[in-house]
Amino acid sequence: MFRTGIATGLALASALLFTSTTAWSQSKRPRGEVVPSAPAPTRPDASPRVVETETVPQAGVRPGSVERSEIAAIRAHLERRLARVDRNSGVGILVTSVDDGRVWFAHNADAPLKPASVLKLFTSAAALLRFGPDFEYETRIYVRPRLHGERGRSDVWVVGSGDPAIGDPRFAERAGQKGSDLLRAWADTLVRRGVAEVETLFLDDSVFDRQWRNRDWPADQALRWYQAPVGALCVNDNCIDASVLLEGRVPTIRVEPPLPSDWIVNELQRARQHSPRILHSGGAGGFVFSGPVARAHQFESTACADPTLFFGAALREALESRGISVRRVARGEYVESGQDRARLVLRHRTRLADAVWRCNTFSQNLFAECIAKTLSAYRPDGRRSTAAGSWDEGLRVARHTLEDAGVSLRGADFRDGCGLSHGNRVTARQTADLLRVMLRQERRVAETFVASLAVCGGEEGSMRTRFADELLRGRVVGKTGSISGVSTLAGYLTRDDGEQLAFAILMNDAGNDALAVEVCRVLAGDYPSAGDEPGVRRERKTPR
């Protein structure tokens, strides 16, 4: 059984290499050689921001027991604070000791509430339990030379794996690259393999189903980055990052990843007003830019309509930028036995541990949804399932996996993997129980889960500024959540005395983040003692 301090899990964050790499098939070269030779990036070591190593509870060693009177004082203060919360709002809180499961505080702990992105904890935990952190997404490229025609003319198959990290800006940034550099590196590989012309670029997206958007997501927000469509072939989080430059009479559009000219329709007009917009062009995909522009403009990341065709367009542009012409792009399933002359020329791998980090630290929705579909697309041993990955089956597998691990999910309702749906329901007790259950798993599973969480006041992630309170800086690691009318926070808190707490705070229609910050400050020991004058707080040490 694994029972170690939160700081230990975070210390191992530096070992979470971003092994989203490309490797030659049938080669003994290290994976990643095809990509420009930047060192594999790592997440910064956050452990010094949490607690000194010698104060971390070790397996079988209980920290100094917190006086019952102090726990009673904490409860009394929180109860007084919650008495001021609107009775029509929904607030569920549970705080337990990581060491022995003792309940420090409970308030509506069994009320089913909307978790928002705290649901990502359930999705990512289920994947780590089912597959382990070393599971790898493997995207493969095959080339089959044409028997008749010019030398160098070939058909190319790209077999998707459901990998959400291809061309992801965060992964690329850590390698000192742009997201589109990866596709250009793939194109360079095909050039070296003698490919000069692609008759048909086949895109095999069969590992997932083709329900791109969850049925619970509002249709009027389909262009927003947080609703990016979910497919087996992804690039740049299935979004374009577009900007407008005023370099002449006609506004100039630049996009990342670069796309073929027939994917971009420029109807922008210079004017005194400024209201540019992006819409889907319909048909085979593409984007229409329209409206008046008076100055340079940076659009919010905009989701594509069809992720497979979007990926194909970005790869086609990368190939053509390297001198490889592409006559046609089409969906097509690669069948091993039927393509006996095809050569496997490239493998691209991303570890589940890295995908979970991107999902939880940055609350990236596409990663959570790909992970949700992955749960049914692959067997526990990592081999393909017979059916395509889907939301319905993936969420069913997630539920069963978590229940088998000891998390009671009676009354819970999973509608998606990221928490965007307003139909999701979990309780504070289920969330806190999940946090404790994950610490009892095999060591590397537990450490990977903890290391995937955002650090309060850390250098990156969703808690860099949100919930960033000086007292909580470095001593709270967790997952934030926010959708309309919902604010949530769940994770682990380390006190000065070494006591570690698992907590879940779910707030529906209960105002802003201030309540969660106050709860965590009280748990850390910042509350009036019995002998203090009203409004006078005890001085607490700032965590190192």
Protein backbone atom coordinates (compact mmCIF):
# COMPACT_ATOMS: atom_id res chain seq x y z
CA MET A 1 0.00 0.00 0.00
CA PHE A 2 1.27 3.45 -0.82
CA ARG A 3 1.05 6.12 1.88
CA THR A 4 3.49 8.94 1.43
CA GLY A 5 3.43 12.69 1.79
CA ILE A 6 2.02 15.02 -0.80
CA ALA A 7 5.42 16.64 -1.15
CA THR A 8 6.91 13.30 -2.16
CA GLY A 9 4.50 13.01 -5.07
CA LEU A 10 5.24 16.55 -6.16
CA ALA A 11 8.98 16.03 -5.88
CA LEU A 12 8.65 13.33 -8.50
CA ALA A 13 7.01 15.81 -10.86
CA SER A 14 10.48 16.58 -12.19
CA ALA A 15 10.69 12.97 -13.34
CA LEU A 16 7.53 13.32 -15.43
CA LEU A 17 9.28 13.74 -18.75
CA PHE A 18 7.27 14.88 -21.70
CA THR A 19 7.93 11.79 -23.71
CA SER A 20 5.63 12.77 -26.52
CA THR A 21 8.27 11.70 -29.00
CA THR A 22 8.74 10.56 -32.52
CA ALA A 23 10.82 7.53 -33.42
CA TRP A 24 11.88 5.72 -36.56
CA SER A 25 10.28 2.36 -36.98
CA GLN A 26 12.67 -0.59 -37.19
CA SER A 27 15.44 1.53 -35.71
CA LYS A 28 17.54 1.34 -32.58
CA ARG A 29 17.86 5.12 -32.33
CA PRO A 30 16.41 6.75 -29.19
CA ARG A 31 12.80 7.82 -29.50
CA GLY A 32 12.46 11.48 -30.38
CA GLU A 33 15.46 11.61 -32.72
CA VAL A 34 13.34 12.79 -35.62
CA VAL A 35 12.20 15.84 -33.68
CA PRO A 36 14.74 18.71 -33.36
CA SER A 37 17.11 17.75 -30.59
CA ALA A 38 15.84 19.88 -27.71
CA PRO A 39 16.14 18.17 -24.33
CA ALA A 40 13.02 16.50 -23.03
CA PRO A 41 11.24 19.11 -20.89
CA THR A 42 10.08 18.49 -17.35
CA ARG A 43 7.66 20.08 -14.97
CA PRO A 44 9.37 22.36 -12.43
CA ASP A 45 10.03 20.70 -9.07
CA ALA A 46 7.33 22.09 -6.82
CA SER A 47 8.24 20.23 -3.64
CA PRO A 48 10.09 23.05 -1.86
CA ARG A 49 6.89 25.11 -2.11
CA VAL A 50 4.89 22.52 -0.14
CA VAL A 51 6.66 21.44 3.06
CA GLU A 52 10.13 20.43 4.14
CA THR A 53 10.90 16.79 3.45
CA GLU A 54 11.55 15.92 7.11
CA THR A 55 8.03 17.03 8.07
CA VAL A 56 6.33 14.78 5.50
CA PRO A 57 4.60 11.76 7.07
CA GLN A 58 6.23 8.51 6.03
CA ALA A 59 4.51 5.17 5.50
CA GLY A 60 3.50 3.74 8.87
CA VAL A 61 4.50 6.88 10.79
CA ARG A 62 1.69 9.11 12.02
CA PRO A 63 2.37 12.86 12.34
CA GLY A 64 1.89 14.71 15.56
CA SER A 65 -1.77 14.36 16.44
CA VAL A 66 -3.79 17.53 16.13
CA GLU A 67 -5.61 18.35 19.35
CA ARG A 68 -9.32 17.59 19.25
CA SER A 69 -9.96 21.06 20.62
CA GLU A 70 -8.32 22.59 17.55
CA ILE A 71 -10.43 20.49 15.20
CA ALA A 72 -13.52 21.53 17.17
CA ALA A 73 -12.51 25.18 16.84
CA ILE A 74 -12.05 24.76 13.08
CA ARG A 75 -15.49 23.17 12.80
CA ALA A 76 -17.13 25.91 14.84
CA HIS A 77 -15.55 28.66 12.74
CA LEU A 78 -16.55 27.02 9.43
CA GLU A 79 -20.09 26.40 10.64
CA ARG A 80 -20.45 30.07 11.55
CA ARG A 81 -19.08 31.05 8.14
CA LEU A 82 -21.42 28.72 6.26
CA ALA A 83 -24.40 30.01 8.22
CA ARG A 84 -24.03 33.20 6.17
CA VAL A 85 -24.33 31.34 2.83
CA ASP A 86 -27.63 31.66 0.99
CA ARG A 87 -29.79 28.65 1.86
CA ASN A 88 -30.93 28.41 -1.76
CA SER A 89 -27.37 27.79 -2.92
CA GLY A 90 -25.69 24.42 -2.92
CA VAL A 91 -22.45 24.01 -0.99
CA GLY A 92 -20.91 20.63 -0.24
CA ILE A 93 -17.68 20.28 1.75
CA LEU A 94 -15.79 17.33 3.17
CA VAL A 95 -12.35 17.45 4.79
CA THR A 96 -10.63 14.27 5.95
CA SER A 97 -7.24 13.31 7.29
CA VAL A 98 -5.06 11.63 4.69
CA ASP A 99 -3.48 9.60 7.50
CA ASP A 100 -6.48 7.93 9.10
CA GLY A 101 -9.59 9.15 7.28
CA ARG A 102 -10.88 11.07 10.29
CA VAL A 103 -13.47 13.65 9.23
CA TRP A 104 -12.38 17.15 10.18
CA PHE A 105 -15.39 18.90 8.70
CA ALA A 106 -18.51 17.99 6.73
CA HIS A 107 -21.25 20.15 5.29
CA ASN A 108 -23.84 18.68 2.89
CA ALA A 109 -21.13 16.15 2.04
CA ASP A 110 -23.60 13.77 0.38
CA ALA A 111 -25.45 16.32 -1.74
CA PRO A 112 -25.01 15.65 -5.50
CA LEU A 113 -23.62 18.85 -7.00
CA LYS A 114 -22.10 20.05 -10.26
CA PRO A 115 -18.33 19.48 -10.03
CA ALA A 116 -17.23 21.52 -13.07
CA SER A 117 -13.59 20.67 -13.88
CA VAL A 118 -13.07 18.85 -10.59
CA LEU A 119 -14.62 15.98 -12.58
CA LYS A 120 -11.26 15.70 -14.35
CA LEU A 121 -9.93 14.08 -11.16
CA PHE A 122 -12.33 11.18 -11.69
CA THR A 123 -11.52 10.84 -15.40
CA SER A 124 -7.75 10.95 -14.98
CA ALA A 125 -7.79 8.70 -11.91
CA ALA A 126 -9.80 6.06 -13.79
CA ALA A 127 -7.28 6.09 -16.65
CA LEU A 128 -4.28 5.75 -14.32
CA LEU A 129 -5.98 2.89 -12.48
CA ARG A 130 -6.96 1.08 -15.70
CA PHE A 131 -3.77 1.52 -17.73
CA GLY A 132 -1.00 2.75 -15.44
CA PRO A 133 1.08 5.89 -16.06
CA ASP A 134 3.28 4.23 -18.72
CA PHE A 135 0.44 3.59 -21.16
CA GLU A 136 1.33 5.26 -24.45
CA TYR A 137 -0.70 6.73 -27.25
CA GLU A 138 1.03 5.65 -30.47
CA THR A 139 0.23 7.41 -33.74
CA ARG A 140 1.72 5.61 -36.77
CA ILE A 141 2.45 6.64 -40.35
CA TYR A 142 2.61 4.09 -43.18
CA VAL A 143 3.77 4.67 -46.75
CA ARG A 144 2.87 2.51 -49.75
CA PRO A 145 4.65 3.36 -53.02
CA ARG A 146 2.49 3.36 -56.14
CA LEU A 147 3.45 0.57 -58.56
CA HIS A 148 2.60 2.65 -61.58
CA GLY A 149 3.52 6.28 -62.01
CA GLU A 150 6.42 8.53 -61.16
CA ARG A 151 9.10 7.52 -58.69
CA GLY A 152 8.37 8.88 -55.19
CA ARG A 153 4.61 8.83 -55.64
CA SER A 154 2.91 7.11 -52.69
CA ASP A 155 -0.18 6.68 -50.60
CA VAL A 156 0.22 7.63 -46.95
CA TRP A 157 -1.82 6.42 -43.97
CA VAL A 158 -1.87 8.20 -40.62
CA VAL A 159 -3.35 5.88 -37.98
CA GLY A 160 -4.67 7.89 -35.05
CA SER A 161 -4.51 6.72 -31.46
CA GLY A 162 -6.62 9.33 -29.70
CA ASP A 163 -3.50 11.25 -28.65
CA PRO A 164 -4.57 14.80 -27.66
CA ALA A 165 -0.99 16.10 -27.36
CA ILE A 166 0.06 16.32 -31.04
CA GLY A 167 0.94 19.93 -31.72
CA ASP A 168 -0.20 20.98 -28.25
CA PRO A 169 1.28 24.42 -27.45
CA ARG A 170 2.33 23.50 -23.88
CA PHE A 171 4.17 20.39 -25.00
CA ALA A 172 5.84 22.29 -27.85
CA GLU A 173 6.76 25.23 -25.60
CA ARG A 174 8.69 22.94 -23.27
CA ALA A 175 10.70 21.66 -26.23
CA GLY A 176 11.40 25.19 -27.43
CA GLN A 177 9.21 24.74 -30.50
CA LYS A 178 5.91 25.74 -32.03
CA GLY A 179 3.13 23.21 -32.15
CA SER A 180 3.32 23.00 -35.95
CA ASP A 181 7.04 22.13 -35.81
CA LEU A 182 6.08 18.55 -35.00
CA LEU A 183 4.13 18.08 -38.24
CA ARG A 184 6.99 19.60 -40.21
CA ALA A 185 9.35 17.12 -38.56
CA TRP A 186 7.04 14.33 -39.74
CA ALA A 187 7.16 15.79 -43.25
CA ASP A 188 10.98 15.80 -43.10
CA THR A 189 10.84 12.12 -42.22
CA LEU A 190 8.80 11.37 -45.36
CA VAL A 191 11.20 13.42 -47.48
CA ARG A 192 14.10 11.33 -46.21
CA ARG A 193 12.12 8.19 -47.01
CA GLY A 194 11.87 9.28 -50.63
CA VAL A 195 8.27 10.46 -50.70
CA ALA A 196 7.89 13.27 -53.26
CA GLU A 197 4.17 13.12 -54.03
CA VAL A 198 1.22 11.79 -52.03
CA GLU A 199 -1.60 10.44 -54.16
CA THR A 200 -3.94 10.04 -51.16
CA LEU A 201 -3.34 11.03 -47.57
CA PHE A 202 -5.54 8.57 -45.68
CA LEU A 203 -6.64 9.48 -42.16
CA ASP A 204 -7.58 6.55 -39.92
CA ASP A 205 -9.62 7.87 -37.00
CA SER A 206 -11.35 4.57 -36.22
CA VAL A 207 -10.04 4.19 -32.65
CA PHE A 208 -12.71 6.71 -31.53
CA ASP A 209 -16.26 7.15 -32.71
CA ARG A 210 -17.23 10.23 -34.75
CA GLN A 211 -19.41 11.93 -32.21
CA TRP A 212 -17.17 14.99 -32.08
CA ARG A 213 -19.19 17.03 -29.59
CA ASN A 214 -20.88 15.89 -26.41
CA ARG A 215 -24.66 16.05 -26.59
CA ASP A 216 -24.81 18.05 -23.34
CA TRP A 217 -22.65 20.90 -24.58
CA PRO A 218 -24.46 24.08 -25.72
CA ALA A 219 -24.48 24.34 -29.51
CA ASP A 220 -24.11 28.12 -29.46
CA GLN A 221 -20.61 27.74 -27.95
CA ALA A 222 -19.27 25.29 -30.54
CA LEU A 223 -16.53 27.71 -31.62
CA ARG A 224 -15.10 28.16 -28.13
CA TRP A 225 -11.78 26.44 -27.36
CA TYR A 226 -13.22 24.64 -24.34
CA GLN A 227 -15.67 22.84 -26.65
CA ALA A 228 -13.06 21.63 -29.14
CA PRO A 229 -14.35 18.52 -30.94
CA VAL A 230 -12.97 15.19 -29.74
CA GLY A 231 -11.47 12.82 -32.32
CA ALA A 232 -8.79 10.20 -32.75
CA LEU A 233 -6.52 12.60 -34.66
CA CYS A 234 -5.88 15.92 -32.95
CA VAL A 235 -3.56 18.86 -33.57
CA ASN A 236 -3.12 22.15 -31.66
CA ASP A 237 -5.92 21.14 -29.27
CA ASN A 238 -8.23 21.04 -32.34
CA CYS A 239 -8.23 24.84 -32.49
CA ILE A 240 -6.74 27.56 -34.66
CA ASP A 241 -4.92 30.50 -33.13
CA ALA A 242 -5.54 33.32 -35.56
CA SER A 243 -4.40 36.93 -35.75
CA VAL A 244 -5.09 39.81 -38.13
CA LEU A 245 -2.39 42.18 -39.33
CA LEU A 246 -2.99 45.46 -41.17
CA GLU A 247 -0.09 45.44 -43.61
CA GLY A 248 -1.91 46.71 -46.68
CA ARG A 249 -5.34 47.49 -48.03
CA VAL A 250 -6.49 43.94 -47.39
CA PRO A 251 -6.13 42.64 -43.81
CA THR A 252 -3.72 39.70 -43.52
CA ILE A 253 -4.62 36.56 -41.58
CA ARG A 254 -2.06 34.34 -39.87
CA VAL A 255 -3.03 31.06 -38.28
CA GLU A 256 -1.40 28.38 -36.15
CA PRO A 257 -1.19 25.64 -37.21
CA PRO A 258 -0.64 26.79 -40.80
CA LEU A 259 -3.48 25.64 -43.08
CA PRO A 260 -3.92 25.38 -46.86
CA SER A 261 -5.27 28.50 -48.53
CA ASP A 262 -8.54 26.75 -49.41
CA TRP A 263 -9.24 26.41 -45.68
CA ILE A 264 -9.16 30.16 -45.04
CA VAL A 265 -11.79 32.53 -46.47
CA ASN A 266 -10.83 36.17 -45.89
CA GLU A 267 -13.82 38.53 -45.99
CA LEU A 268 -12.36 41.07 -43.56
CA GLN A 269 -12.62 44.75 -44.48
CA ARG A 270 -10.66 47.70 -43.16
CA ALA A 271 -12.98 50.18 -41.48
CA ARG A 272 -13.32 52.54 -38.54
CA GLN A 273 -15.35 49.99 -36.65
CA HIS A 274 -13.73 46.89 -35.21
CA SER A 275 -15.71 43.67 -34.89
CA PRO A 276 -13.94 40.80 -36.70
CA ARG A 277 -15.31 37.30 -36.26
CA ILE A 278 -14.64 33.69 -37.23
CA LEU A 279 -17.19 31.14 -38.40
CA HIS A 280 -16.97 27.60 -39.72
CA SER A 281 -17.24 27.53 -43.50
CA GLY A 282 -19.16 24.24 -43.55
CA GLY A 283 -18.68 21.44 -46.04
CA ALA A 284 -15.23 19.87 -45.84
CA GLY A 285 -14.11 22.27 -43.11
CA GLY A 286 -12.38 25.61 -43.01
CA PHE A 287 -12.90 29.03 -41.49
CA VAL A 288 -14.49 32.25 -42.68
CA PHE A 289 -13.08 35.54 -41.34
CA SER A 290 -15.45 38.45 -41.75
CA GLY A 291 -16.40 41.86 -40.38
CA PRO A 292 -14.74 45.27 -40.14
CA VAL A 293 -11.24 45.68 -38.67
CA ALA A 294 -9.65 48.92 -37.52
CA ARG A 295 -6.51 47.53 -35.90
CA ALA A 296 -4.43 44.40 -35.46
CA HIS A 297 -6.38 41.68 -33.69
CA GLN A 298 -5.68 38.41 -31.87
CA PHE A 299 -8.62 36.00 -31.80
CA GLU A 300 -9.31 33.65 -28.93
CA SER A 301 -8.41 30.07 -29.83
CA THR A 302 -11.24 28.85 -32.05
CA ALA A 303 -12.40 25.23 -32.25
CA CYS A 304 -12.57 23.44 -35.58
CA ALA A 305 -15.66 21.58 -36.79
CA ASP A 306 -14.23 18.20 -37.85
CA PRO A 307 -11.02 17.22 -36.02
CA THR A 308 -9.96 14.56 -38.53
CA LEU A 309 -10.18 16.85 -41.55
CA PHE A 310 -8.57 19.67 -39.56
CA PHE A 311 -5.63 17.39 -38.74
CA GLY A 312 -5.42 16.35 -42.39
CA ALA A 313 -5.37 19.98 -43.55
CA ALA A 314 -2.58 20.88 -41.11
CA LEU A 315 -0.51 17.85 -42.12
CA ARG A 316 -1.10 18.52 -45.82
CA GLU A 317 0.18 22.08 -45.37
CA ALA A 318 3.25 20.78 -43.50
CA LEU A 319 3.98 18.27 -46.27
CA GLU A 320 3.62 20.88 -49.00
CA SER A 321 5.88 23.26 -47.09
CA ARG A 322 8.57 20.58 -47.48
CA GLY A 323 7.93 20.12 -51.18
CA ILE A 324 5.66 17.07 -51.00
CA SER A 325 2.53 17.59 -53.06
CA VAL A 326 -0.74 16.08 -51.81
CA ARG A 327 -3.42 15.30 -54.36
CA ARG A 328 -6.20 14.14 -52.05
CA VAL A 329 -7.03 13.85 -48.34
CA ALA A 330 -9.59 11.24 -47.26
CA ARG A 331 -10.71 9.19 -44.31
CA GLY A 332 -9.64 5.59 -44.62
CA GLU A 333 -9.10 2.75 -42.17
CA TYR A 334 -5.71 1.09 -42.34
CA VAL A 335 -6.07 -2.70 -42.48
CA GLU A 336 -2.82 -4.46 -41.66
CA SER A 337 -3.36 -7.56 -43.79
CA GLY A 338 -4.55 -5.62 -46.82
CA GLN A 339 -1.56 -3.28 -47.06
CA ASP A 340 1.27 -5.79 -47.44
CA ARG A 341 3.49 -3.35 -49.35
CA ALA A 342 3.04 -0.49 -46.89
CA ARG A 343 6.05 0.47 -44.76
CA LEU A 344 5.77 1.73 -41.20
CA VAL A 345 8.01 4.80 -41.28
CA LEU A 346 7.18 6.72 -38.13
CA ARG A 347 5.78 6.27 -34.64
CA HIS A 348 4.82 9.13 -32.35
CA ARG A 349 4.23 8.36 -28.68
CA THR A 350 2.78 10.28 -25.74
CA ARG A 351 2.68 8.83 -22.23
CA LEU A 352 -0.57 8.85 -20.30
CA ALA A 353 1.28 10.45 -17.35
CA ASP A 354 2.00 13.51 -19.49
CA ALA A 355 -1.54 13.70 -20.86
CA VAL A 356 -2.91 13.56 -17.30
CA TRP A 357 -0.55 16.39 -16.27
CA ARG A 358 -1.84 18.61 -19.10
CA CYS A 359 -5.41 17.66 -18.23
CA ASN A 360 -5.22 18.46 -14.52
CA THR A 361 -2.60 21.17 -14.06
CA PHE A 362 -4.02 23.32 -16.87
CA SER A 363 -7.60 22.00 -16.84
CA GLN A 364 -7.45 21.27 -20.59
CA ASN A 365 -10.83 19.94 -21.67
CA LEU A 366 -9.79 18.18 -24.87
CA PHE A 367 -7.27 16.07 -22.97
CA ALA A 368 -9.91 15.02 -20.46
CA GLU A 369 -12.35 14.03 -23.20
CA CYS A 370 -9.75 12.07 -25.16
CA ILE A 371 -8.85 10.26 -21.94
CA ALA A 372 -12.55 9.51 -21.35
CA LYS A 373 -12.91 7.90 -24.79
CA THR A 374 -9.57 6.13 -24.36
CA LEU A 375 -11.01 4.21 -21.41
CA SER A 376 -13.20 2.20 -23.77
CA ALA A 377 -10.98 2.36 -26.87
CA TYR A 378 -8.24 0.26 -25.23
CA ARG A 379 -8.11 -2.79 -23.01
CA PRO A 380 -6.28 -2.65 -19.66
CA ASP A 381 -3.20 -4.17 -21.33
CA GLY A 382 -3.08 -1.25 -23.80
CA ARG A 383 -4.32 -3.15 -26.86
CA ARG A 384 -7.13 -1.81 -29.03
CA SER A 385 -10.68 -2.79 -28.06
CA THR A 386 -12.98 -4.24 -30.67
CA ALA A 387 -15.27 -1.17 -30.55
CA ALA A 388 -14.42 2.48 -31.10
CA GLY A 389 -13.98 4.60 -27.99
CA SER A 390 -17.07 6.60 -27.07
CA TRP A 391 -18.37 8.82 -24.29
CA ASP A 392 -21.10 6.43 -23.21
CA GLU A 393 -18.85 3.40 -22.93
CA GLY A 394 -15.81 5.30 -21.68
CA LEU A 395 -17.72 6.89 -18.82
CA ARG A 396 -19.23 3.51 -17.94
CA VAL A 397 -15.70 2.05 -17.75
CA ALA A 398 -14.57 5.00 -15.64
CA ARG A 399 -17.36 4.41 -13.17
CA HIS A 400 -16.68 0.69 -12.83
CA THR A 401 -12.92 1.23 -12.54
CA LEU A 402 -13.31 3.75 -9.71
CA GLU A 403 -15.87 1.63 -7.87
CA ASP A 404 -13.58 -1.39 -8.09
CA ALA A 405 -10.87 0.75 -6.49
CA GLY A 406 -13.14 1.57 -3.54
CA VAL A 407 -14.84 4.84 -4.51
CA SER A 408 -18.59 4.62 -3.91
CA LEU A 409 -20.35 6.47 -6.75
CA ARG A 410 -23.96 5.91 -5.77
CA GLY A 411 -25.97 8.85 -7.08
CA ALA A 412 -23.10 10.23 -9.18
CA ASP A 413 -23.76 11.10 -12.82
CA PHE A 414 -20.99 11.40 -15.40
CA ARG A 415 -22.04 13.14 -18.63
CA ASP A 416 -18.60 14.01 -20.01
CA GLY A 417 -14.98 13.73 -18.97
CA CYS A 418 -14.05 17.35 -18.32
CA GLY A 419 -16.96 18.69 -16.27
CA LEU A 420 -18.35 21.11 -18.85
CA SER A 421 -21.81 19.54 -18.80
CA HIS A 422 -24.26 20.96 -16.27
CA GLY A 423 -25.67 17.43 -15.96
CA ASN A 424 -22.63 16.06 -14.12
CA ARG A 425 -23.17 15.30 -10.43
CA VAL A 426 -20.82 14.12 -7.68
CA THR A 427 -20.71 14.70 -3.94
CA ALA A 428 -18.00 16.23 -1.80
CA ARG A 429 -17.66 12.86 -0.03
CA GLN A 430 -17.11 10.99 -3.30
CA THR A 431 -14.48 13.53 -4.34
CA ALA A 432 -12.58 13.42 -1.05
CA ASP A 433 -12.80 9.62 -1.00
CA LEU A 434 -11.29 9.54 -4.49
CA LEU A 435 -8.36 11.66 -3.30
CA ARG A 436 -7.65 9.27 -0.42
CA VAL A 437 -8.11 6.16 -2.56
CA MET A 438 -5.55 7.41 -5.08
CA LEU A 439 -2.91 7.75 -2.35
CA ARG A 440 -3.40 4.07 -1.50
CA GLN A 441 -2.57 2.86 -5.01
CA GLU A 442 0.65 1.37 -6.32
CA ARG A 443 3.39 3.94 -5.74
CA ARG A 444 3.89 5.22 -9.30
CA VAL A 445 0.14 5.53 -9.91
CA ALA A 446 -0.28 7.58 -6.74
CA GLU A 447 2.74 9.77 -7.42
CA THR A 448 1.69 10.44 -11.01
CA PHE A 449 -1.79 11.45 -9.87
CA VAL A 450 -0.51 13.87 -7.22
CA ALA A 451 2.14 15.32 -9.54
CA SER A 452 -0.56 16.08 -12.13
CA LEU A 453 -2.30 18.56 -9.82
CA ALA A 454 -1.87 22.32 -9.91
CA VAL A 455 0.17 23.97 -7.16
CA CYS A 456 -1.40 26.97 -5.46
CA GLY A 457 0.62 30.02 -6.47
CA GLY A 458 2.87 27.85 -8.65
CA GLU A 459 4.64 28.97 -11.80
CA GLU A 460 2.07 27.41 -14.12
CA GLY A 461 -1.39 25.93 -14.18
CA SER A 462 -4.92 26.84 -13.14
CA MET A 463 -3.90 27.77 -9.57
CA ARG A 464 -1.11 30.16 -10.55
CA THR A 465 -3.42 33.11 -9.85
CA ARG A 466 -6.79 31.55 -9.01
CA PHE A 467 -7.14 30.75 -5.29
CA ALA A 468 -3.62 32.23 -4.99
CA ASP A 469 -3.51 33.23 -1.34
CA GLU A 470 -0.12 33.85 0.25
CA LEU A 471 -0.82 31.56 3.21
CA LEU A 472 -1.91 28.75 0.87
CA ARG A 473 0.94 29.21 -1.58
CA GLY A 474 2.68 25.88 -2.06
CA ARG A 475 0.78 24.09 0.72
CA VAL A 476 -2.34 23.37 -1.41
CA VAL A 477 -2.27 21.21 -4.54
CA GLY A 478 -5.46 20.37 -6.34
CA LYS A 479 -7.94 20.78 -9.14
CA THR A 480 -10.04 23.85 -9.77
CA GLY A 481 -13.42 23.99 -11.46
CA SER A 482 -15.56 26.74 -12.94
CA ILE A 483 -18.62 26.85 -15.18
CA SER A 484 -21.58 29.22 -15.09
CA GLY A 485 -22.81 29.41 -11.48
CA VAL A 486 -20.27 26.84 -10.26
CA SER A 487 -16.96 27.21 -8.42
CA THR A 488 -15.13 24.16 -7.08
CA LEU A 489 -11.80 23.17 -5.56
CA ALA A 490 -10.52 19.78 -4.42
CA GLY A 491 -7.10 18.50 -3.47
CA TYR A 492 -4.63 18.15 -0.63
CA LEU A 493 -3.55 20.64 2.03
CA THR A 494 -0.45 20.34 4.20
CA ARG A 495 -0.48 22.07 7.58
CA ASP A 496 2.54 23.41 9.49
CA ASP A 497 2.37 20.46 11.88
CA GLY A 498 2.71 17.97 9.00
CA GLU A 499 -0.94 16.91 9.05
CA GLN A 500 -2.22 16.38 5.52
CA LEU A 501 -5.85 16.78 4.57
CA ALA A 502 -7.87 15.68 1.56
CA PHE A 503 -10.65 18.17 0.88
CA ALA A 504 -13.46 18.84 -1.58
CA ILE A 505 -15.36 22.13 -1.81
CA LEU A 506 -18.25 22.17 -4.31
CA MET A 507 -20.14 25.45 -4.61
CA ASN A 508 -23.21 25.77 -6.85
CA ASP A 509 -24.82 29.24 -7.07
CA ALA A 510 -22.86 30.27 -3.99
CA GLY A 511 -20.88 33.27 -5.18
CA ASN A 512 -17.20 33.48 -6.06
CA ASP A 513 -14.00 31.71 -4.99
CA ALA A 514 -13.67 33.58 -1.68
CA LEU A 515 -15.44 30.90 0.35
CA ALA A 516 -13.06 28.15 -0.81
CA VAL A 517 -10.05 30.33 0.02
CA GLU A 518 -11.42 31.05 3.49
CA VAL A 519 -12.11 27.37 4.15
CA CYS A 520 -8.56 26.44 3.18
CA ARG A 521 -7.09 29.24 5.31
CA VAL A 522 -9.03 27.99 8.32
CA LEU A 523 -7.84 24.42 7.70
CA ALA A 524 -4.28 25.75 7.57
CA GLY A 525 -4.84 27.26 11.03
CA ASP A 526 -5.78 30.86 10.28
CA TYR A 527 -8.80 31.42 12.51
CA PRO A 528 -9.53 33.27 15.78
CA SER A 529 -8.71 31.21 18.86
CA ALA A 530 -11.03 31.15 21.83
CA GLY A 531 -9.04 33.81 23.69
CA ASP A 532 -8.59 36.17 20.79
CA GLU A 533 -10.49 39.40 20.53
CA PRO A 534 -13.02 39.54 17.67
CA GLY A 535 -11.32 40.19 14.38
CA VAL A 536 -7.85 39.27 15.69
CA ARG A 537 -6.25 36.24 14.04
CA ARG A 538 -3.41 34.11 15.24
CA GLU A 539 -0.15 34.67 13.43
CA ARG A 540 0.76 31.76 11.15
CA LYS A 541 4.10 30.91 9.68
CA THR A 542 4.40 31.47 5.96
CA PRO A 543 5.19 28.16 4.20
CA ARG A 544 8.63 27.95 2.76
